[in-house]
Amino acid sequence: MSIRYSERQAEAGIEPSVGSVDDSYDNALAKTINGLYKAEVIHRRGPRRSFEAVEFATLTWVDWFNHRRLLEPIGNIPPVEAEERYHTMLDEQKRAA
C-alpha cells in the first residue's frame, strides 16, 4: 500500500506534509479519513465476523465515499464526478492552446 501511495503522490507532484516519506500516519487528512471510516463502518456497523466481511464493508464504503457521496462545496456532486470534470477542463485547455 505505501508503495502505491508514494507512487501516486509522486505522479501528482505531492510531497508529504509532515513526517518521513510514505508516513501517512502523520498526515492530518489521512488521519481524518481513517477516523471517519472507523466511526462509520467499523464501530457503528460492527463487529464483523470475518476478515472478508470487513473487506467487503470497506470496499462498499470506499465506493460510496468516492462515487455516490454528494458534496455541497463542489456543487452537490460526487467526488469522482468533480475529478472527471476537472480532467475534462484540463484536456480542453490543452486543445485550445
N, C-alpha and C. Protein backbone atom coordinates (compact mmCIF):
# COMPACT_ATOMS: atom_id res chain seq x y z
N MET A 1 0.82 -1.18 0.00
CA MET A 1 0.00 0.00 0.00
C MET A 1 0.87 1.25 0.00
N SER A 2 1.89 1.29 0.84
CA SER A 2 2.69 2.51 0.93
C SER A 2 3.43 2.78 -0.37
N ILE A 3 3.78 1.74 -1.12
CA ILE A 3 4.46 1.95 -2.39
C ILE A 3 3.51 2.61 -3.38
N ARG A 4 2.28 2.08 -3.49
CA ARG A 4 1.29 2.69 -4.38
C ARG A 4 0.98 4.12 -3.94
N TYR A 5 0.88 4.33 -2.64
CA TYR A 5 0.58 5.65 -2.09
C TYR A 5 1.67 6.63 -2.48
N SER A 6 2.93 6.24 -2.31
CA SER A 6 4.03 7.15 -2.62
C SER A 6 4.16 7.35 -4.13
N GLU A 7 3.88 6.32 -4.94
CA GLU A 7 3.92 6.48 -6.39
C GLU A 7 2.85 7.46 -6.84
N ARG A 8 1.65 7.35 -6.28
CA ARG A 8 0.55 8.26 -6.63
C ARG A 8 0.89 9.68 -6.20
N GLN A 9 1.51 9.84 -5.03
CA GLN A 9 1.92 11.17 -4.59
C GLN A 9 2.93 11.76 -5.58
N ALA A 10 3.89 10.96 -5.99
CA ALA A 10 4.92 11.45 -6.92
C ALA A 10 4.30 11.83 -8.26
N GLU A 11 3.37 11.02 -8.77
CA GLU A 11 2.69 11.33 -10.03
C GLU A 11 1.96 12.66 -9.95
N ALA A 12 1.36 12.93 -8.80
CA ALA A 12 0.59 14.16 -8.62
C ALA A 12 1.47 15.34 -8.20
N GLY A 13 2.76 15.10 -8.01
CA GLY A 13 3.67 16.15 -7.60
C GLY A 13 3.46 16.59 -6.16
N ILE A 14 3.01 15.66 -5.32
CA ILE A 14 2.72 15.98 -3.92
C ILE A 14 3.86 15.47 -3.04
N GLU A 15 4.28 16.32 -2.13
CA GLU A 15 5.29 15.92 -1.15
C GLU A 15 4.59 15.68 0.17
N PRO A 16 5.09 14.77 0.99
CA PRO A 16 4.46 14.52 2.29
C PRO A 16 4.38 15.82 3.10
N SER A 17 3.26 16.02 3.78
CA SER A 17 3.07 17.26 4.53
C SER A 17 3.91 17.29 5.80
N VAL A 18 4.05 16.17 6.46
CA VAL A 18 4.87 16.07 7.66
C VAL A 18 5.41 14.65 7.74
N GLY A 19 6.38 14.46 8.56
CA GLY A 19 6.92 13.12 8.75
C GLY A 19 7.80 12.69 7.60
N SER A 20 8.18 11.43 7.61
CA SER A 20 9.04 10.91 6.58
C SER A 20 8.23 10.49 5.36
N VAL A 21 8.91 10.22 4.27
CA VAL A 21 8.24 9.76 3.05
C VAL A 21 7.49 8.48 3.35
N ASP A 22 6.30 8.35 2.82
CA ASP A 22 5.42 7.19 3.00
C ASP A 22 4.83 7.08 4.39
N ASP A 23 4.94 8.10 5.22
CA ASP A 23 4.43 8.04 6.58
C ASP A 23 3.09 8.76 6.66
N SER A 24 2.03 8.08 6.23
CA SER A 24 0.71 8.73 6.21
C SER A 24 0.12 8.89 7.60
N TYR A 25 0.71 8.24 8.59
CA TYR A 25 0.16 8.34 9.94
C TYR A 25 0.29 9.75 10.51
N ASP A 26 1.23 10.52 9.99
CA ASP A 26 1.40 11.90 10.44
C ASP A 26 0.62 12.88 9.57
N ASN A 27 -0.07 12.39 8.59
CA ASN A 27 -0.80 13.25 7.68
C ASN A 27 -2.21 13.48 8.22
N ALA A 28 -2.57 14.74 8.42
CA ALA A 28 -3.86 15.06 9.02
C ALA A 28 -5.03 14.56 8.19
N LEU A 29 -4.94 14.66 6.88
CA LEU A 29 -6.04 14.20 6.04
C LEU A 29 -6.22 12.69 6.16
N ALA A 30 -5.12 11.96 6.14
CA ALA A 30 -5.21 10.51 6.27
C ALA A 30 -5.81 10.12 7.61
N LYS A 31 -5.41 10.83 8.66
CA LYS A 31 -5.98 10.54 9.99
C LYS A 31 -7.48 10.82 10.01
N THR A 32 -7.89 11.90 9.37
CA THR A 32 -9.30 12.25 9.34
C THR A 32 -10.12 11.19 8.61
N ILE A 33 -9.65 10.76 7.46
CA ILE A 33 -10.37 9.75 6.67
C ILE A 33 -10.39 8.42 7.43
N ASN A 34 -9.27 8.05 8.03
CA ASN A 34 -9.24 6.80 8.81
C ASN A 34 -10.22 6.86 9.96
N GLY A 35 -10.29 7.99 10.65
CA GLY A 35 -11.23 8.15 11.76
C GLY A 35 -12.67 8.09 11.30
N LEU A 36 -12.96 8.74 10.17
CA LEU A 36 -14.31 8.71 9.61
C LEU A 36 -14.70 7.29 9.24
N TYR A 37 -13.80 6.58 8.58
CA TYR A 37 -14.05 5.19 8.19
C TYR A 37 -14.33 4.33 9.41
N LYS A 38 -13.50 4.46 10.43
CA LYS A 38 -13.69 3.65 11.63
C LYS A 38 -15.02 3.96 12.31
N ALA A 39 -15.37 5.25 12.38
CA ALA A 39 -16.62 5.64 13.03
C ALA A 39 -17.83 5.13 12.25
N GLU A 40 -17.80 5.25 10.92
CA GLU A 40 -18.96 4.90 10.11
C GLU A 40 -19.07 3.41 9.80
N VAL A 41 -17.96 2.74 9.64
CA VAL A 41 -18.01 1.35 9.19
C VAL A 41 -17.71 0.37 10.31
N ILE A 42 -16.63 0.57 10.99
CA ILE A 42 -16.18 -0.42 11.98
C ILE A 42 -17.00 -0.34 13.26
N HIS A 43 -17.08 0.84 13.87
CA HIS A 43 -17.74 0.95 15.17
C HIS A 43 -19.25 0.96 15.07
N ARG A 44 -19.81 1.72 14.15
CA ARG A 44 -21.25 1.86 14.06
C ARG A 44 -21.92 0.58 13.53
N ARG A 45 -21.29 -0.08 12.60
CA ARG A 45 -21.92 -1.24 11.96
C ARG A 45 -21.25 -2.56 12.32
N GLY A 46 -20.34 -2.54 13.25
CA GLY A 46 -19.60 -3.75 13.62
C GLY A 46 -20.31 -4.50 14.71
N PRO A 47 -19.73 -5.52 15.27
CA PRO A 47 -18.47 -6.11 14.80
C PRO A 47 -18.69 -7.04 13.61
N ARG A 48 -17.65 -7.21 12.84
CA ARG A 48 -17.69 -8.12 11.70
C ARG A 48 -17.21 -9.50 12.16
N ARG A 49 -17.70 -10.52 11.54
CA ARG A 49 -17.37 -11.88 11.97
C ARG A 49 -16.17 -12.47 11.24
N SER A 50 -15.73 -11.83 10.16
CA SER A 50 -14.60 -12.38 9.41
C SER A 50 -13.84 -11.25 8.71
N PHE A 51 -12.64 -11.58 8.29
CA PHE A 51 -11.84 -10.63 7.52
C PHE A 51 -12.55 -10.26 6.23
N GLU A 52 -13.17 -11.25 5.59
CA GLU A 52 -13.87 -11.00 4.33
C GLU A 52 -15.03 -10.02 4.53
N ALA A 53 -15.71 -10.10 5.67
CA ALA A 53 -16.82 -9.18 5.95
C ALA A 53 -16.30 -7.75 6.12
N VAL A 54 -15.16 -7.60 6.79
CA VAL A 54 -14.55 -6.27 6.94
C VAL A 54 -14.10 -5.75 5.58
N GLU A 55 -13.49 -6.62 4.80
CA GLU A 55 -13.03 -6.23 3.47
C GLU A 55 -14.19 -5.77 2.59
N PHE A 56 -15.28 -6.51 2.60
CA PHE A 56 -16.44 -6.15 1.79
C PHE A 56 -17.06 -4.83 2.28
N ALA A 57 -17.17 -4.66 3.58
CA ALA A 57 -17.71 -3.42 4.14
C ALA A 57 -16.82 -2.23 3.75
N THR A 58 -15.51 -2.45 3.76
CA THR A 58 -14.57 -1.39 3.38
C THR A 58 -14.74 -1.01 1.92
N LEU A 59 -14.81 -2.01 1.04
CA LEU A 59 -14.98 -1.73 -0.38
C LEU A 59 -16.29 -1.00 -0.66
N THR A 60 -17.35 -1.41 0.03
CA THR A 60 -18.65 -0.76 -0.13
C THR A 60 -18.58 0.70 0.30
N TRP A 61 -17.93 0.96 1.43
CA TRP A 61 -17.82 2.32 1.94
C TRP A 61 -16.97 3.20 1.02
N VAL A 62 -15.85 2.68 0.54
CA VAL A 62 -14.98 3.44 -0.36
C VAL A 62 -15.72 3.77 -1.66
N ASP A 63 -16.48 2.81 -2.17
CA ASP A 63 -17.26 3.06 -3.38
C ASP A 63 -18.27 4.19 -3.14
N TRP A 64 -18.98 4.13 -2.02
CA TRP A 64 -19.94 5.18 -1.69
C TRP A 64 -19.22 6.52 -1.52
N PHE A 65 -18.12 6.53 -0.79
CA PHE A 65 -17.38 7.75 -0.49
C PHE A 65 -16.92 8.47 -1.76
N ASN A 66 -16.52 7.70 -2.76
CA ASN A 66 -15.99 8.29 -3.99
C ASN A 66 -17.04 8.52 -5.07
N HIS A 67 -18.05 7.65 -5.15
CA HIS A 67 -18.97 7.67 -6.30
C HIS A 67 -20.39 8.15 -6.01
N ARG A 68 -20.85 8.11 -4.78
CA ARG A 68 -22.23 8.47 -4.51
C ARG A 68 -22.41 9.56 -3.46
N ARG A 69 -21.41 9.83 -2.68
CA ARG A 69 -21.48 10.87 -1.64
C ARG A 69 -21.54 12.23 -2.32
N LEU A 70 -22.55 13.02 -1.99
CA LEU A 70 -22.72 14.33 -2.60
C LEU A 70 -22.09 15.40 -1.69
N LEU A 71 -21.26 16.24 -2.29
CA LEU A 71 -20.57 17.28 -1.54
C LEU A 71 -21.09 18.66 -1.94
N GLU A 72 -21.65 19.35 -0.99
CA GLU A 72 -22.20 20.69 -1.25
C GLU A 72 -21.14 21.67 -1.76
N PRO A 73 -19.93 21.70 -1.18
CA PRO A 73 -18.94 22.70 -1.64
C PRO A 73 -18.54 22.56 -3.11
N ILE A 74 -18.76 21.41 -3.71
CA ILE A 74 -18.39 21.23 -5.12
C ILE A 74 -19.62 21.08 -6.02
N GLY A 75 -20.77 21.54 -5.54
CA GLY A 75 -21.97 21.56 -6.37
C GLY A 75 -22.89 20.38 -6.18
N ASN A 76 -22.87 19.74 -5.03
CA ASN A 76 -23.71 18.57 -4.75
C ASN A 76 -23.52 17.46 -5.78
N ILE A 77 -22.25 17.20 -6.08
CA ILE A 77 -21.90 16.10 -6.96
C ILE A 77 -20.90 15.20 -6.24
N PRO A 78 -20.77 13.95 -6.68
CA PRO A 78 -19.79 13.06 -6.05
C PRO A 78 -18.36 13.48 -6.41
N PRO A 79 -17.41 13.14 -5.55
CA PRO A 79 -16.00 13.49 -5.82
C PRO A 79 -15.50 12.99 -7.17
N VAL A 80 -15.89 11.78 -7.57
CA VAL A 80 -15.40 11.24 -8.83
C VAL A 80 -15.89 12.08 -10.01
N GLU A 81 -17.10 12.62 -9.92
CA GLU A 81 -17.62 13.47 -10.99
C GLU A 81 -16.85 14.79 -11.05
N ALA A 82 -16.54 15.35 -9.89
CA ALA A 82 -15.75 16.58 -9.86
C ALA A 82 -14.37 16.36 -10.47
N GLU A 83 -13.77 15.22 -10.18
CA GLU A 83 -12.45 14.91 -10.73
C GLU A 83 -12.52 14.74 -12.25
N GLU A 84 -13.57 14.06 -12.73
CA GLU A 84 -13.75 13.89 -14.18
C GLU A 84 -13.92 15.25 -14.87
N ARG A 85 -14.70 16.14 -14.26
CA ARG A 85 -14.89 17.48 -14.83
C ARG A 85 -13.57 18.24 -14.88
N TYR A 86 -12.79 18.12 -13.83
CA TYR A 86 -11.50 18.80 -13.77
C TYR A 86 -10.58 18.32 -14.90
N HIS A 87 -10.49 17.01 -15.10
CA HIS A 87 -9.62 16.48 -16.14
C HIS A 87 -10.14 16.84 -17.53
N THR A 88 -11.45 16.88 -17.71
CA THR A 88 -12.03 17.31 -18.98
C THR A 88 -11.65 18.76 -19.27
N MET A 89 -11.73 19.60 -18.23
CA MET A 89 -11.35 21.01 -18.38
C MET A 89 -9.87 21.13 -18.77
N LEU A 90 -9.01 20.34 -18.14
CA LEU A 90 -7.58 20.39 -18.48
C LEU A 90 -7.35 19.97 -19.93
N ASP A 91 -8.04 18.91 -20.36
CA ASP A 91 -7.91 18.45 -21.75
C ASP A 91 -8.37 19.52 -22.73
N GLU A 92 -9.47 20.20 -22.41
CA GLU A 92 -9.98 21.26 -23.27
C GLU A 92 -9.00 22.43 -23.34
N GLN A 93 -8.38 22.75 -22.22
CA GLN A 93 -7.38 23.83 -22.21
C GLN A 93 -6.16 23.47 -23.05
N LYS A 94 -5.75 22.22 -22.99
CA LYS A 94 -4.60 21.78 -23.80
C LYS A 94 -4.92 21.88 -25.28
N ARG A 95 -6.14 21.48 -25.65
CA ARG A 95 -6.53 21.54 -27.07
C ARG A 95 -6.66 22.99 -27.55
N ALA A 96 -7.09 23.88 -26.67
CA ALA A 96 -7.27 25.29 -27.05
C ALA A 96 -5.93 26.00 -27.20
N ALA A 97 -4.91 25.50 -26.52
CA ALA A 97 -3.60 26.16 -26.53
C ALA A 97 -2.80 25.79 -27.73
